[in-house]
Amino acid sequence: MYIVNLIYVKPLTEIEEHIRLHREFLDVYYAKDIFLASGPKNPRDGGIILASGKVSRTELDNILAEDPFQQHGLARYDITEFEPNKHHGALSGIL
Protein backbone atom coordinates (compact mmCIF):
# COMPACT_ATOMS: atom_id res chain seq x y z
CA MET A 1 0.00 0.00 0.00
CA TYR A 2 1.18 3.54 -0.65
CA ILE A 3 0.63 6.96 0.84
CA VAL A 4 1.18 9.56 -1.86
CA ASN A 5 1.78 12.99 -0.37
CA LEU A 6 1.32 15.72 -2.97
CA ILE A 7 3.01 19.03 -2.15
CA TYR A 8 1.90 21.96 -4.26
CA VAL A 9 4.80 23.90 -5.75
CA LYS A 10 2.64 26.49 -7.53
CA PRO A 11 -0.02 28.89 -6.23
CA LEU A 12 -3.55 27.61 -5.60
CA THR A 13 -4.82 29.69 -8.53
CA GLU A 14 -2.78 27.46 -10.86
CA ILE A 15 -3.88 24.31 -9.00
CA GLU A 16 -7.54 25.30 -9.42
CA GLU A 17 -7.04 25.67 -13.19
CA HIS A 18 -6.21 21.94 -13.38
CA ILE A 19 -8.35 20.49 -10.56
CA ARG A 20 -11.07 19.12 -12.89
CA LEU A 21 -8.52 17.21 -14.99
CA HIS A 22 -6.76 15.99 -11.83
CA ARG A 23 -10.04 14.61 -10.50
CA GLU A 24 -10.78 12.92 -13.83
CA PHE A 25 -7.32 11.30 -13.60
CA LEU A 26 -8.16 10.09 -10.07
CA ASP A 27 -11.48 8.65 -11.28
CA VAL A 28 -9.69 6.45 -13.84
CA TYR A 29 -7.66 4.77 -11.11
CA TYR A 30 -10.55 4.54 -8.65
CA ALA A 31 -12.39 2.57 -11.35
CA LYS A 32 -9.37 0.22 -11.58
CA ASP A 33 -9.33 -0.26 -7.77
CA ILE A 34 -5.85 1.25 -7.50
CA PHE A 35 -6.74 4.47 -5.67
CA LEU A 36 -8.58 3.92 -2.39
CA ALA A 37 -8.97 7.45 -0.99
CA SER A 38 -7.81 10.97 -1.80
CA GLY A 39 -8.33 14.56 -0.85
CA PRO A 40 -6.76 17.91 -0.03
CA LYS A 41 -4.68 18.46 3.08
CA ASN A 42 -5.57 21.04 5.70
CA PRO A 43 -4.04 23.57 5.33
CA ARG A 44 -4.46 23.23 1.57
CA ASP A 45 -0.82 23.00 0.58
CA GLY A 46 -1.25 19.67 -1.19
CA GLY A 47 -3.18 16.44 -1.01
CA ILE A 48 -3.04 12.77 -0.16
CA ILE A 49 -3.75 9.69 -2.28
CA LEU A 50 -3.97 6.24 -0.72
CA ALA A 51 -3.05 3.66 -3.34
CA SER A 52 -3.41 -0.09 -3.28
CA GLY A 53 -0.40 -2.33 -3.00
CA LYS A 54 -1.75 -4.28 -6.00
CA VAL A 55 0.63 -2.25 -8.17
CA SER A 56 4.41 -2.08 -8.01
CA ARG A 57 6.23 1.11 -7.16
CA THR A 58 7.28 1.42 -10.81
CA GLU A 59 3.67 1.04 -11.93
CA LEU A 60 2.58 3.67 -9.40
CA ASP A 61 5.26 6.07 -10.64
CA ASN A 62 4.02 5.56 -14.21
CA ILE A 63 0.42 6.17 -13.11
CA LEU A 64 1.34 9.37 -11.28
CA ALA A 65 3.17 10.60 -14.38
CA GLU A 66 -0.30 10.82 -15.98
CA ASP A 67 -1.55 13.25 -13.31
CA PRO A 68 -2.11 16.72 -14.79
CA PHE A 69 -0.60 18.16 -11.60
CA GLN A 70 2.67 16.39 -12.40
CA GLN A 71 2.49 17.05 -16.13
CA HIS A 72 2.16 20.79 -15.51
CA GLY A 73 4.78 20.95 -12.74
CA LEU A 74 2.19 21.91 -10.10
CA ALA A 75 3.08 19.38 -7.40
CA ARG A 76 5.83 17.10 -6.21
CA TYR A 77 5.12 13.64 -4.84
CA ASP A 78 6.54 12.01 -1.71
CA ILE A 79 5.60 8.33 -1.65
CA THR A 80 5.66 6.06 1.38
CA GLU A 81 5.18 2.34 0.87
CA PHE A 82 3.99 0.20 3.75
CA GLU A 83 2.55 -3.25 4.35
CA PRO A 84 -0.56 -3.11 6.53
CA ASN A 85 -0.52 -5.98 8.99
CA LYS A 86 -3.79 -4.89 10.61
CA HIS A 87 -6.81 -3.34 9.00
CA HIS A 88 -10.54 -2.96 9.35
CA GLY A 89 -12.47 -5.87 7.89
CA ALA A 90 -14.15 -3.57 5.38
CA LEU A 91 -10.77 -3.19 3.67
CA SER A 92 -10.26 -6.91 3.08
CA GLY A 93 -9.56 -7.58 -0.56
CA ILE A 94 -8.85 -4.00 -1.59
CA LEU A 95 -5.49 -3.37 0.03
C-alpha atoms as a PDB file:
ATOM      1  CA  MET A   1       0.000   0.000   0.000  1.00  0.00           C
ATOM      2  CA  TYR A   2       1.177   3.544  -0.648  1.00  0.00           C
ATOM      3  CA  ILE A   3       0.627   6.956   0.839  1.00  0.00           C
ATOM      4  CA  VAL A   4       1.185   9.560  -1.864  1.00  0.00           C
ATOM      5  CA  ASN A   5       1.784  12.987  -0.375  1.00  0.00           C
ATOM      6  CA  LEU A   6       1.318  15.725  -2.974  1.00  0.00           C
ATOM      7  CA  ILE A   7       3.007  19.028  -2.154  1.00  0.00           C
ATOM      8  CA  TYR A   8       1.901  21.965  -4.258  1.00  0.00           C
ATOM      9  CA  VAL A   9       4.798  23.896  -5.747  1.00  0.00           C
ATOM     10  CA  LYS A  10       2.645  26.490  -7.527  1.00  0.00           C
ATOM     11  CA  PRO A  11      -0.024  28.892  -6.232  1.00  0.00           C
ATOM     12  CA  LEU A  12      -3.554  27.612  -5.599  1.00  0.00           C
ATOM     13  CA  THR A  13      -4.819  29.688  -8.526  1.00  0.00           C
ATOM     14  CA  GLU A  14      -2.782  27.458 -10.862  1.00  0.00           C
ATOM     15  CA  ILE A  15      -3.879  24.309  -8.996  1.00  0.00           C
ATOM     16  CA  GLU A  16      -7.540  25.299  -9.423  1.00  0.00           C
ATOM     17  CA  GLU A  17      -7.041  25.666 -13.189  1.00  0.00           C
ATOM     18  CA  HIS A  18      -6.215  21.939 -13.381  1.00  0.00           C
ATOM     19  CA  ILE A  19      -8.352  20.489 -10.564  1.00  0.00           C
ATOM     20  CA  ARG A  20     -11.068  19.121 -12.891  1.00  0.00           C
ATOM     21  CA  LEU A  21      -8.519  17.213 -14.991  1.00  0.00           C
ATOM     22  CA  HIS A  22      -6.755  15.994 -11.834  1.00  0.00           C
ATOM     23  CA  ARG A  23     -10.043  14.609 -10.503  1.00  0.00           C
ATOM     24  CA  GLU A  24     -10.777  12.920 -13.833  1.00  0.00           C
ATOM     25  CA  PHE A  25      -7.317  11.304 -13.602  1.00  0.00           C
ATOM     26  CA  LEU A  26      -8.161  10.089 -10.074  1.00  0.00           C
ATOM     27  CA  ASP A  27     -11.481   8.651 -11.278  1.00  0.00           C
ATOM     28  CA  VAL A  28      -9.695   6.453 -13.835  1.00  0.00           C
ATOM     29  CA  TYR A  29      -7.655   4.769 -11.111  1.00  0.00           C
ATOM     30  CA  TYR A  30     -10.549   4.537  -8.654  1.00  0.00           C
ATOM     31  CA  ALA A  31     -12.387   2.570 -11.353  1.00  0.00           C
ATOM     32  CA  LYS A  32      -9.374   0.220 -11.583  1.00  0.00           C
ATOM     33  CA  ASP A  33      -9.329  -0.264  -7.765  1.00  0.00           C
ATOM     34  CA  ILE A  34      -5.848   1.247  -7.502  1.00  0.00           C
ATOM     35  CA  PHE A  35      -6.741   4.466  -5.673  1.00  0.00           C
ATOM     36  CA  LEU A  36      -8.579   3.924  -2.394  1.00  0.00           C
ATOM     37  CA  ALA A  37      -8.973   7.450  -0.989  1.00  0.00           C
ATOM     38  CA  SER A  38      -7.808  10.969  -1.803  1.00  0.00           C
ATOM     39  CA  GLY A  39      -8.330  14.561  -0.847  1.00  0.00           C
ATOM     40  CA  PRO A  40      -6.765  17.905  -0.033  1.00  0.00           C
ATOM     41  CA  LYS A  41      -4.676  18.462   3.081  1.00  0.00           C
ATOM     42  CA  ASN A  42      -5.571  21.035   5.699  1.00  0.00           C
ATOM     43  CA  PRO A  43      -4.044  23.567   5.330  1.00  0.00           C
ATOM     44  CA  ARG A  44      -4.456  23.235   1.574  1.00  0.00           C
ATOM     45  CA  ASP A  45      -0.820  22.996   0.580  1.00  0.00           C
ATOM     46  CA  GLY A  46      -1.249  19.672  -1.194  1.00  0.00           C
ATOM     47  CA  GLY A  47      -3.180  16.441  -1.011  1.00  0.00           C
ATOM     48  CA  ILE A  48      -3.036  12.767  -0.161  1.00  0.00           C
ATOM     49  CA  ILE A  49      -3.747   9.692  -2.280  1.00  0.00           C
ATOM     50  CA  LEU A  50      -3.969   6.237  -0.717  1.00  0.00           C
ATOM     51  CA  ALA A  51      -3.048   3.663  -3.338  1.00  0.00           C
ATOM     52  CA  SER A  52      -3.406  -0.094  -3.283  1.00  0.00           C
ATOM     53  CA  GLY A  53      -0.400  -2.333  -3.005  1.00  0.00           C
ATOM     54  CA  LYS A  54      -1.746  -4.275  -5.997  1.00  0.00           C
ATOM     55  CA  VAL A  55       0.635  -2.255  -8.175  1.00  0.00           C
ATOM     56  CA  SER A  56       4.406  -2.076  -8.010  1.00  0.00           C
ATOM     57  CA  ARG A  57       6.233   1.107  -7.162  1.00  0.00           C
ATOM     58  CA  THR A  58       7.280   1.423 -10.809  1.00  0.00           C
ATOM     59  CA  GLU A  59       3.668   1.044 -11.931  1.00  0.00           C
ATOM     60  CA  LEU A  60       2.577   3.674  -9.401  1.00  0.00           C
ATOM     61  CA  ASP A  61       5.256   6.074 -10.638  1.00  0.00           C
ATOM     62  CA  ASN A  62       4.017   5.560 -14.208  1.00  0.00           C
ATOM     63  CA  ILE A  63       0.421   6.169 -13.113  1.00  0.00           C
ATOM     64  CA  LEU A  64       1.345   9.373 -11.278  1.00  0.00           C
ATOM     65  CA  ALA A  65       3.168  10.599 -14.377  1.00  0.00           C
ATOM     66  CA  GLU A  66      -0.303  10.824 -15.983  1.00  0.00           C
ATOM     67  CA  ASP A  67      -1.549  13.248 -13.314  1.00  0.00           C
ATOM     68  CA  PRO A  68      -2.107  16.722 -14.785  1.00  0.00           C
ATOM     69  CA  PHE A  69      -0.603  18.161 -11.605  1.00  0.00           C
ATOM     70  CA  GLN A  70       2.666  16.389 -12.402  1.00  0.00           C
ATOM     71  CA  GLN A  71       2.485  17.047 -16.135  1.00  0.00           C
ATOM     72  CA  HIS A  72       2.164  20.791 -15.513  1.00  0.00           C
ATOM     73  CA  GLY A  73       4.776  20.946 -12.736  1.00  0.00           C
ATOM     74  CA  LEU A  74       2.192  21.905 -10.103  1.00  0.00           C
ATOM     75  CA  ALA A  75       3.083  19.382  -7.403  1.00  0.00           C
ATOM     76  CA  ARG A  76       5.831  17.101  -6.211  1.00  0.00           C
ATOM     77  CA  TYR A  77       5.121  13.643  -4.836  1.00  0.00           C
ATOM     78  CA  ASP A  78       6.540  12.007  -1.715  1.00  0.00           C
ATOM     79  CA  ILE A  79       5.602   8.330  -1.651  1.00  0.00           C
ATOM     80  CA  THR A  80       5.655   6.057   1.384  1.00  0.00           C
ATOM     81  CA  GLU A  81       5.175   2.340   0.871  1.00  0.00           C
ATOM     82  CA  PHE A  82       3.986   0.197   3.748  1.00  0.00           C
ATOM     83  CA  GLU A  83       2.548  -3.248   4.353  1.00  0.00           C
ATOM     84  CA  PRO A  84      -0.556  -3.109   6.531  1.00  0.00           C
ATOM     85  CA  ASN A  85      -0.518  -5.982   8.993  1.00  0.00           C
ATOM     86  CA  LYS A  86      -3.792  -4.893  10.614  1.00  0.00           C
ATOM     87  CA  HIS A  87      -6.814  -3.335   9.003  1.00  0.00           C
ATOM     88  CA  HIS A  88     -10.542  -2.956   9.354  1.00  0.00           C
ATOM     89  CA  GLY A  89     -12.469  -5.874   7.886  1.00  0.00           C
ATOM     90  CA  ALA A  90     -14.150  -3.568   5.380  1.00  0.00           C
ATOM     91  CA  LEU A  91     -10.772  -3.190   3.669  1.00  0.00           C
ATOM     92  CA  SER A  92     -10.259  -6.906   3.081  1.00  0.00           C
ATOM     93  CA  GLY A  93      -9.564  -7.581  -0.563  1.00  0.00           C
ATOM     94  CA  ILE A  94      -8.846  -4.003  -1.589  1.00  0.00           C
ATOM     95  CA  LEU A  95      -5.490  -3.372   0.033  1.00  0.00           C
END
